[in-house]
Amino acid sequence: MQNQTIIYFLEQIARLFSIHKNYPKPAAALPRLPNRDVKSRPKNKTEFTAQEKRVK
């Protein structure tokens, strides 16, 4: 009887591991964000950031 319960628990643990393996990876599902550094740079000499406006 004791061997049967041990086998039962091992089967349950194996089932949990197989379910866990099938979950999708959350990082792969997320779309990549665009670089934010490009937006903060002034596009031409007439366009300034908020900090540069305060200095003037």
Protein backbone atom coordinates (compact mmCIF):
# COMPACT_ATOMS: atom_id res chain seq x y z
CA MET A 1 0.00 0.00 0.00
CA GLN A 2 2.82 2.41 0.84
CA ASN A 3 4.46 1.85 -2.56
CA GLN A 4 1.20 2.69 -4.32
CA THR A 5 0.87 6.02 -2.50
CA ILE A 6 4.49 6.90 -3.33
CA ILE A 7 3.87 6.07 -7.00
CA TYR A 8 0.66 8.14 -6.91
CA PHE A 9 2.46 11.18 -5.52
CA LEU A 10 5.29 10.79 -8.02
CA GLU A 11 2.74 10.70 -10.85
CA GLN A 12 1.07 13.84 -9.51
CA ILE A 13 4.42 15.64 -9.31
CA ALA A 14 5.28 14.49 -12.85
CA ARG A 15 1.92 15.82 -14.07
CA LEU A 16 2.58 19.19 -12.43
CA PHE A 17 5.97 19.42 -14.13
CA SER A 18 4.54 18.55 -17.54
CA ILE A 19 1.81 21.22 -17.16
CA HIS A 20 4.42 23.77 -16.08
CA LYS A 21 6.60 23.01 -19.11
CA ASN A 22 3.73 23.77 -21.51
CA TYR A 23 3.13 27.31 -20.24
CA PRO A 24 4.18 30.00 -22.74
CA LYS A 25 7.12 32.14 -21.73
CA PRO A 26 5.83 35.62 -20.78
CA ALA A 27 8.89 37.45 -22.15
CA ALA A 28 8.42 36.00 -25.63
CA ALA A 29 4.77 37.10 -25.78
CA LEU A 30 5.48 40.76 -25.02
CA PRO A 31 6.19 43.11 -27.95
CA ARG A 32 9.50 44.95 -27.74
CA LEU A 33 9.30 48.63 -26.85
CA PRO A 34 10.92 51.14 -29.24
CA ASN A 35 14.04 52.99 -28.11
CA ARG A 36 13.10 56.04 -26.10
CA ASP A 37 16.51 57.70 -26.51
CA VAL A 38 15.73 58.69 -30.09
CA LYS A 39 12.71 60.80 -29.07
CA SER A 40 14.59 62.80 -26.42
CA ARG A 41 17.26 64.03 -28.87
CA PRO A 42 16.45 67.30 -30.70
CA LYS A 43 15.71 66.62 -34.37
CA ASN A 44 17.21 69.89 -35.59
CA LYS A 45 18.86 72.95 -34.08
CA THR A 46 15.59 74.88 -33.62
CA GLU A 47 14.03 72.12 -31.49
CA PHE A 48 15.19 72.02 -27.87
CA THR A 49 14.45 69.78 -24.91
CA ALA A 50 12.58 71.21 -21.89
CA GLN A 51 15.83 71.54 -19.94
CA GLU A 52 17.52 73.54 -22.72
CA LYS A 53 14.50 75.89 -22.90
CA ARG A 54 14.83 76.60 -19.18
CA VAL A 55 18.50 77.50 -19.55
CA LYS A 56 17.75 80.21 -22.16
